[in-house]
Protein backbone atom coordinates (compact mmCIF):
# COMPACT_ATOMS: atom_id res chain seq x y z
CA MET A 1 -86.76 64.18 -137.78
CA SER A 2 -90.27 63.13 -136.43
CA ILE A 3 -88.82 61.39 -133.41
CA VAL A 4 -86.77 64.85 -132.61
CA TRP A 5 -90.01 66.76 -132.93
CA LEU A 6 -91.92 64.42 -130.25
CA MET A 7 -88.93 64.20 -128.05
CA ALA A 8 -88.81 67.95 -127.83
CA ALA A 9 -92.45 68.20 -127.40
CA ILE A 10 -92.56 65.83 -124.64
CA ALA A 11 -89.38 67.21 -122.97
CA ALA A 12 -90.83 70.70 -123.13
CA PHE A 13 -94.22 69.45 -121.49
CA ALA A 14 -92.45 67.63 -118.60
CA LEU A 15 -90.20 70.54 -117.93
CA SER A 16 -92.84 73.05 -117.94
CA TYR A 17 -94.89 70.74 -115.71
CA ILE A 18 -92.33 70.34 -113.17
CA LEU A 19 -91.51 74.06 -112.99
CA ILE A 20 -95.04 75.07 -112.24
CA ARG A 21 -95.49 72.67 -109.71
CA LEU A 22 -92.03 73.78 -108.04
CA MET A 23 -93.11 77.27 -108.39
CA LEU A 24 -96.58 76.55 -106.71
CA ILE A 25 -94.82 75.00 -103.86
CA SER A 26 -92.28 77.58 -103.36
CA GLY A 27 -93.88 80.73 -104.31
CA VAL A 28 -90.86 81.87 -106.27
CA GLY A 29 -91.83 84.07 -109.36
CA LEU A 30 -95.43 84.34 -108.49
CA ALA A 31 -97.39 87.26 -107.06
CA ARG A 32 -100.87 87.42 -105.32
CA ASP A 33 -103.71 88.31 -107.83
CA ILE A 34 -106.40 89.90 -105.63
CA PRO A 35 -109.98 90.34 -107.23
CA ASN A 36 -111.48 93.68 -107.78
CA ASN A 37 -114.78 94.72 -109.34
CA ARG A 38 -113.56 93.97 -113.02
CA SER A 39 -112.03 90.60 -112.02
CA MET A 40 -113.56 87.38 -113.05
CA HIS A 41 -112.42 85.57 -109.99
CA GLN A 42 -113.68 85.83 -106.41
CA ARG A 43 -110.71 84.72 -104.55
CA VAL A 44 -106.93 85.55 -104.38
CA VAL A 45 -105.10 83.51 -106.95
CA LEU A 46 -101.50 83.33 -107.87
CA ARG A 47 -100.03 84.83 -110.89
CA GLY A 48 -96.93 84.70 -113.00
CA GLY A 49 -97.11 81.08 -113.79
CA GLY A 50 -96.23 81.69 -117.46
CA LEU A 51 -92.66 81.99 -116.51
CA ALA A 52 -92.81 78.27 -116.28
CA PHE A 53 -93.74 77.57 -119.89
CA VAL A 54 -91.28 80.34 -120.98
CA ILE A 55 -88.20 78.89 -119.20
CA ALA A 56 -89.03 75.44 -120.49
CA THR A 57 -89.49 76.44 -124.13
CA VAL A 58 -85.97 78.49 -124.16
CA CYS A 59 -84.27 75.63 -122.62
CA VAL A 60 -85.69 72.81 -124.43
CA PHE A 61 -85.63 74.78 -127.80
CA SER A 62 -81.98 75.76 -127.32
CA LEU A 63 -80.83 72.23 -126.49
CA VAL A 64 -82.60 70.88 -129.62
CA ARG A 65 -81.67 73.71 -131.96
CA TYR A 66 -78.04 73.23 -131.16
CA LEU A 67 -78.30 69.52 -131.81
CA ALA A 68 -80.41 69.35 -134.50
CA PHE A 69 -80.06 72.53 -136.50
CA PRO A 70 -76.44 73.89 -135.57
CA GLU A 71 -76.18 75.56 -138.97
CA SER A 72 -79.36 77.66 -138.89
CA GLY A 73 -77.88 81.02 -137.82
CA TRP A 74 -79.18 83.18 -135.06
CA VAL A 75 -82.46 82.64 -133.65
CA TRP A 76 -84.08 86.33 -134.10
CA TYR A 77 -87.30 85.54 -132.39
CA ILE A 78 -85.98 84.72 -128.86
CA LEU A 79 -84.70 88.25 -128.00
CA PRO A 80 -88.40 89.74 -128.30
CA VAL A 81 -89.61 86.72 -126.29
CA ILE A 82 -87.07 87.33 -123.66
CA MET A 83 -87.77 91.27 -123.72
CA MET A 84 -91.61 90.54 -123.20
CA THR A 85 -91.13 87.83 -120.38
CA THR A 86 -88.95 90.23 -118.32
CA LEU A 87 -91.60 93.18 -119.20
CA GLY A 88 -94.40 91.07 -117.95
CA ALA A 89 -92.54 89.60 -114.86
CA LEU A 90 -91.71 92.89 -113.64
CA ASP A 91 -95.30 94.13 -114.26
CA ASP A 92 -96.58 90.92 -112.36
CA GLN A 93 -94.25 91.71 -109.43
CA ARG A 94 -94.20 95.34 -109.20
CA GLY A 95 -96.73 97.20 -111.52
CA LEU A 96 -95.45 99.31 -114.52
CA GLY A 97 -96.75 102.34 -116.28
CA ILE A 98 -98.51 102.30 -119.64
CA LEU A 99 -95.92 104.35 -121.21
CA THR A 100 -93.02 101.86 -120.13
CA ARG A 101 -94.91 98.82 -121.08
CA LEU A 102 -95.64 100.54 -124.66
CA VAL A 103 -92.00 101.56 -125.21
CA VAL A 104 -90.87 98.13 -124.54
CA GLN A 105 -93.57 96.45 -126.74
CA VAL A 106 -92.60 98.90 -129.55
CA ALA A 107 -88.94 98.01 -129.47
CA ALA A 108 -89.74 94.42 -129.58
CA ALA A 109 -92.07 94.96 -132.34
CA ALA A 110 -89.48 96.97 -134.41
CA LEU A 111 -87.00 94.42 -133.86
CA VAL A 112 -89.04 91.65 -135.25
CA SER A 113 -90.28 93.90 -138.05
CA LEU A 114 -86.58 95.06 -139.23
CA ILE A 115 -85.69 91.51 -139.39
CA VAL A 116 -88.64 90.08 -141.44
CA ILE A 117 -89.40 92.92 -143.75
CA ASN A 118 -86.12 92.29 -145.71
CA GLY A 119 -87.37 88.76 -146.12
CA SER A 120 -84.22 87.25 -144.64
CA ASP A 121 -83.86 86.01 -140.92
CA SER A 122 -79.99 86.35 -141.30
CA GLU A 123 -79.61 89.88 -140.41
CA MET A 124 -81.54 93.01 -139.32
CA SER A 125 -81.22 95.58 -141.62
CA VAL A 126 -82.09 99.27 -141.43
CA ASN A 127 -81.34 100.00 -145.31
CA LEU A 128 -85.03 100.04 -146.23
CA SER A 129 -86.67 100.91 -149.53
CA ILE A 130 -89.25 103.82 -149.41
CA ARG A 131 -92.08 101.04 -149.67
CA GLN A 132 -90.56 99.11 -146.75
CA LEU A 133 -90.16 102.46 -144.80
CA LEU A 134 -93.96 102.98 -145.41
CA PHE A 135 -95.20 99.55 -144.33
CA LEU A 136 -92.62 99.52 -141.44
CA PRO A 137 -94.99 101.38 -138.81
CA ILE A 138 -98.08 99.39 -140.15
CA LEU A 139 -96.08 96.18 -139.36
CA VAL A 140 -95.00 97.28 -135.83
CA ILE A 141 -98.54 98.54 -135.07
CA GLY A 142 -99.97 95.22 -136.06
CA ILE A 143 -97.25 93.29 -133.85
CA VAL A 144 -97.85 95.49 -130.85
CA TRP A 145 -101.73 95.06 -131.00
CA VAL A 146 -101.27 91.26 -131.05
CA ILE A 147 -99.05 91.45 -128.02
CA ASN A 148 -101.78 93.57 -126.23
CA LEU A 149 -104.74 91.54 -127.42
CA TYR A 150 -103.28 88.19 -125.77
CA ASN A 151 -102.83 90.35 -122.50
CA PHE A 152 -106.61 91.77 -123.08
CA MET A 153 -108.16 88.38 -123.76
CA ASP A 154 -106.04 86.61 -120.68
CA GLY A 155 -109.12 87.26 -118.28
CA MET A 156 -110.79 84.09 -117.99
CA ASP A 157 -109.18 80.61 -116.68
CA GLY A 158 -107.64 78.44 -119.41
CA LEU A 159 -108.65 80.96 -122.23
CA ALA A 160 -105.55 82.47 -123.53
CA ALA A 161 -103.72 79.17 -122.81
CA SER A 162 -105.79 77.06 -124.69
CA GLN A 163 -105.96 79.28 -127.74
CA GLY A 164 -102.10 79.65 -127.63
CA VAL A 165 -101.93 76.15 -127.73
CA ILE A 166 -104.10 75.50 -130.92
CA VAL A 167 -102.56 78.43 -132.70
CA LEU A 168 -99.11 77.29 -131.92
CA ALA A 169 -99.67 73.73 -132.75
CA THR A 170 -101.07 74.78 -136.03
CA MET A 171 -98.43 77.15 -137.16
CA ALA A 172 -96.01 74.37 -136.36
CA LEU A 173 -97.76 72.02 -138.54
CA TRP A 174 -97.72 74.54 -141.63
CA LEU A 175 -93.97 75.48 -140.87
CA GLY A 176 -92.95 71.74 -140.51
CA GLY A 177 -93.80 71.31 -144.30
CA GLN A 178 -90.70 73.46 -145.37
CA SER A 179 -87.22 72.30 -144.61
CA ASP A 180 -85.79 76.22 -144.23
CA SER A 181 -88.49 76.82 -141.72
CA TYR A 182 -87.92 73.58 -139.35
CA PRO A 183 -86.25 75.84 -136.45
CA LEU A 184 -89.24 78.26 -136.16
CA ALA A 185 -91.63 75.14 -136.64
CA LEU A 186 -89.80 73.56 -133.71
CA PHE A 187 -90.03 76.73 -131.87
CA CYS A 188 -93.91 76.92 -132.24
CA LEU A 189 -94.14 73.03 -131.36
CA ILE A 190 -92.29 73.27 -128.13
CA LEU A 191 -94.01 76.43 -126.94
CA ALA A 192 -97.27 74.87 -127.86
CA ALA A 193 -96.30 71.73 -125.54
CA ALA A 194 -94.89 73.92 -122.66
CA THR A 195 -98.16 75.94 -122.82
CA ALA A 196 -100.40 72.81 -122.84
CA ALA A 197 -98.55 71.49 -119.44
CA PHE A 198 -99.55 74.84 -117.89
CA LEU A 199 -103.23 74.32 -118.84
CA PRO A 200 -104.30 71.95 -115.96
CA PHE A 201 -103.13 74.30 -113.55
CA ASN A 202 -104.89 77.33 -115.24
CA TRP A 203 -108.20 75.42 -116.14
CA TYR A 204 -111.20 76.55 -114.03
CA PRO A 205 -110.97 77.08 -111.29
CA ALA A 206 -107.44 78.39 -111.84
CA ARG A 207 -104.75 77.58 -109.15
CA VAL A 208 -102.33 80.18 -110.95
CA PHE A 209 -102.79 82.73 -113.73
CA MET A 210 -100.08 82.89 -116.52
CA GLY A 211 -100.04 86.91 -115.78
CA ASP A 212 -98.55 89.32 -117.97
CA THR A 213 -95.25 86.98 -117.86
CA GLY A 214 -97.11 84.57 -120.00
CA SER A 215 -99.71 86.62 -121.89
CA LEU A 216 -97.20 89.16 -123.22
CA THR A 217 -94.78 86.35 -124.15
CA LEU A 218 -97.49 84.52 -125.96
CA GLY A 219 -98.50 87.50 -127.98
CA VAL A 220 -95.05 88.60 -129.16
CA ALA A 221 -94.14 84.64 -129.90
CA ILE A 222 -97.12 84.27 -132.11
CA ALA A 223 -96.99 87.79 -133.83
CA ALA A 224 -93.31 87.21 -134.34
CA ALA A 225 -94.05 83.52 -135.73
CA SER A 226 -96.71 84.96 -137.70
CA ALA A 227 -94.65 87.74 -139.20
CA GLY A 228 -91.68 85.41 -140.10
CA SER A 229 -93.99 82.89 -141.84
CA ILE A 230 -95.58 85.40 -144.11
CA PHE A 231 -92.38 87.45 -144.86
CA LEU A 232 -89.80 84.80 -144.77
CA TYR A 233 -91.74 81.79 -145.53
CA GLN A 234 -94.41 83.25 -147.94
CA LEU A 235 -97.56 81.66 -145.91
CA PRO A 236 -100.78 83.76 -146.68
CA THR A 237 -101.50 86.37 -144.50
CA THR A 238 -105.39 85.47 -144.58
CA ALA A 239 -104.78 82.32 -142.80
CA PHE A 240 -103.18 83.88 -139.85
CA LEU A 241 -106.03 86.35 -139.53
CA ILE A 242 -108.53 83.36 -139.96
CA LEU A 243 -106.45 81.14 -137.32
CA MET A 244 -106.39 83.96 -134.56
CA GLY A 245 -109.96 85.24 -135.37
CA VAL A 246 -111.46 84.63 -132.23
CA PHE A 247 -109.20 86.87 -130.30
CA LEU A 248 -108.73 89.49 -133.09
CA PHE A 249 -112.41 89.64 -133.64
CA ASP A 250 -113.29 89.84 -129.87
CA ALA A 251 -110.29 92.29 -128.85
CA THR A 252 -110.86 94.61 -132.19
CA ALA A 253 -114.72 94.71 -132.05
CA THR A 254 -114.59 95.61 -128.41
CA LEU A 255 -112.14 98.26 -128.70
CA GLY A 256 -113.80 99.75 -131.71
CA ARG A 257 -117.27 99.63 -129.82
CA ARG A 258 -115.59 101.47 -126.65
CA ILE A 259 -114.07 103.96 -128.92
CA PHE A 260 -117.24 104.78 -130.87
CA THR A 261 -119.20 104.98 -127.70
CA ARG A 262 -116.58 107.43 -126.25
CA GLN A 263 -115.73 105.40 -123.46
CA THR A 264 -112.22 105.35 -121.57
CA TRP A 265 -110.88 102.78 -123.67
CA TRP A 266 -107.46 102.51 -122.28
CA GLN A 267 -108.94 101.53 -118.90
CA SER A 268 -109.81 97.95 -117.71
CA HIS A 269 -113.08 96.80 -118.47
CA ARG A 270 -115.49 93.88 -118.58
CA SER A 271 -117.18 94.29 -122.01
CA HIS A 272 -115.32 91.73 -124.28
CA PHE A 273 -117.60 89.18 -125.39
CA TYR A 274 -116.49 86.35 -123.26
CA GLN A 275 -116.90 88.75 -120.16
CA ARG A 276 -120.55 89.38 -121.26
CA ALA A 277 -121.33 85.81 -121.71
CA GLU A 278 -120.11 85.18 -118.34
CA ALA A 279 -122.17 88.09 -116.77
CA ILE A 280 -125.43 86.58 -118.19
CA GLY A 281 -124.69 83.33 -116.63
CA ILE A 282 -122.84 81.36 -118.76
CA SER A 283 -120.28 79.46 -116.87
CA GLN A 284 -116.44 79.79 -117.65
CA ARG A 285 -116.11 76.06 -118.59
CA HIS A 286 -118.87 76.45 -121.32
CA ILE A 287 -117.35 79.72 -122.51
CA VAL A 288 -113.81 78.54 -123.03
CA GLY A 289 -115.12 75.08 -124.42
CA THR A 290 -116.93 76.94 -127.09
CA VAL A 291 -113.88 79.08 -127.84
CA VAL A 292 -111.89 76.20 -128.07
CA ILE A 293 -114.27 74.67 -130.61
CA MET A 294 -114.35 77.78 -132.67
CA ASP A 295 -110.52 77.74 -132.51
CA LEU A 296 -110.35 74.26 -133.91
CA ILE A 297 -112.84 75.16 -136.67
CA LEU A 298 -111.00 78.11 -137.64
CA ALA A 299 -107.63 76.25 -137.52
CA ILE A 300 -109.07 73.83 -139.98
CA LEU A 301 -110.38 76.66 -142.44
CA ALA A 302 -107.05 78.44 -142.15
CA SER A 303 -105.15 75.16 -142.83
CA LEU A 304 -107.53 74.76 -145.94
CA VAL A 305 -106.37 78.20 -147.28
CA VAL A 306 -102.53 77.32 -146.56
CA TYR A 307 -102.83 73.98 -148.42
CA ASP A 308 -104.71 75.55 -151.35
CA MET A 309 -107.83 73.63 -150.77
CA LEU A 310 -110.00 76.55 -150.13
CA LEU A 311 -109.88 80.35 -151.58
CA ALA A 312 -108.71 82.88 -149.00
CA GLN A 313 -111.66 84.98 -149.32
CA TYR A 314 -114.13 82.20 -148.81
CA GLY A 315 -112.17 81.25 -145.72
CA VAL A 316 -112.36 84.89 -144.50
CA ILE A 317 -116.11 84.94 -145.29
CA ILE A 318 -116.85 81.87 -143.63
CA ALA A 319 -114.75 82.84 -140.34
CA LEU A 320 -116.48 86.09 -139.98
CA ALA A 321 -119.70 84.38 -140.40
CA VAL A 322 -119.12 81.83 -137.50
CA LEU A 323 -117.65 85.05 -135.40
CA ILE A 324 -120.71 87.30 -136.15
CA ALA A 325 -123.17 84.66 -135.34
CA VAL A 326 -121.55 83.73 -131.99
CA SER A 327 -121.45 87.39 -131.06
CA LEU A 328 -124.99 88.05 -131.94
CA LEU A 329 -126.00 84.94 -129.91
CA VAL A 330 -124.27 86.58 -127.01
CA ARG A 331 -126.14 89.78 -127.55
CA HIS A 332 -129.52 87.76 -127.91
CA PHE A 333 -128.96 86.15 -124.45
CA GLU A 334 -128.05 89.57 -122.97
CA ASP A 335 -131.31 91.09 -124.17
CA ARG A 336 -133.47 88.18 -122.95
CA ALA A 337 -131.65 88.40 -119.65
CA ALA A 338 -132.28 92.08 -119.57
CA SER A 339 -135.86 91.39 -120.50
CA THR A 340 -136.37 88.98 -117.72
CA ASN A 341 -134.77 91.22 -115.21
CA ARG A 342 -137.30 94.03 -116.23
CA ARG A 343 -140.27 91.77 -115.83
CA SER A 344 -139.02 90.51 -112.25
CA GLU A 345 -138.81 94.22 -111.13
């Protein structure tokens, strides 16, 4: 089985790499991202490159699943992935309204929720208990939030792609320990490998952005795999909160701050922690490198929780301590930069 996994990962990486190079040469599937006052890039960059790792993932996974797991039933997590890829590609090329985006996202989240909430991946059921009906909207909102936070956090070269690779690879490791979750583990591994092939083209200075095609797809794939892992394979919820801690903390804290200060929170902005760090002169390479290190630390903490080597509450406390410490450090440098500016005036 390990040979199958290795060959699948290599195939996904190679196909994704070839596809993104072909897209860059031909321009097929790509749009021009023109910088504005909220952009973190100063030149026109192509976007929509996420289509390469999505196509590679679906092709390689479909082939390997057919050969290695022909009896595993229907693959429920592929449909929401295709839905978000289509939505993202249309948005990259034409631009879509908020309502259209939200309706499709809710539909994809509802599809995932109706499958996993019954504890079975063999069918989608609408015959739910009162408790399940009450929990269903919470799960849908949670999935929609994860989809959007990947879209929000895809604002710096290599940031969302590197975080996606670490999260997906870690989830593949966890799920690979249970025979009944092999197909989902394989999906996570293949998507991680395909996304890793995209990273050299997306690293600072980026030649291409993944666009909504990539960020929405990563968001729904990670959300669906997390929901499936929790409801179908009984992995601890806290482990996934820790694993995705950097993005969850930044996006949630930023949104909360904007709502609390009565800003127009639904509009684009530059107030995420990573954007604020860049605004005070920290290079994108250093910011993304720091986030990667934090992601790896949180992946280790989350894995200790999964393997019962660390109590969940201690893992959450340690993760929050790391995230709060880094956010306070950013605030400290902001205050120092503001003080320096005032003295120079």
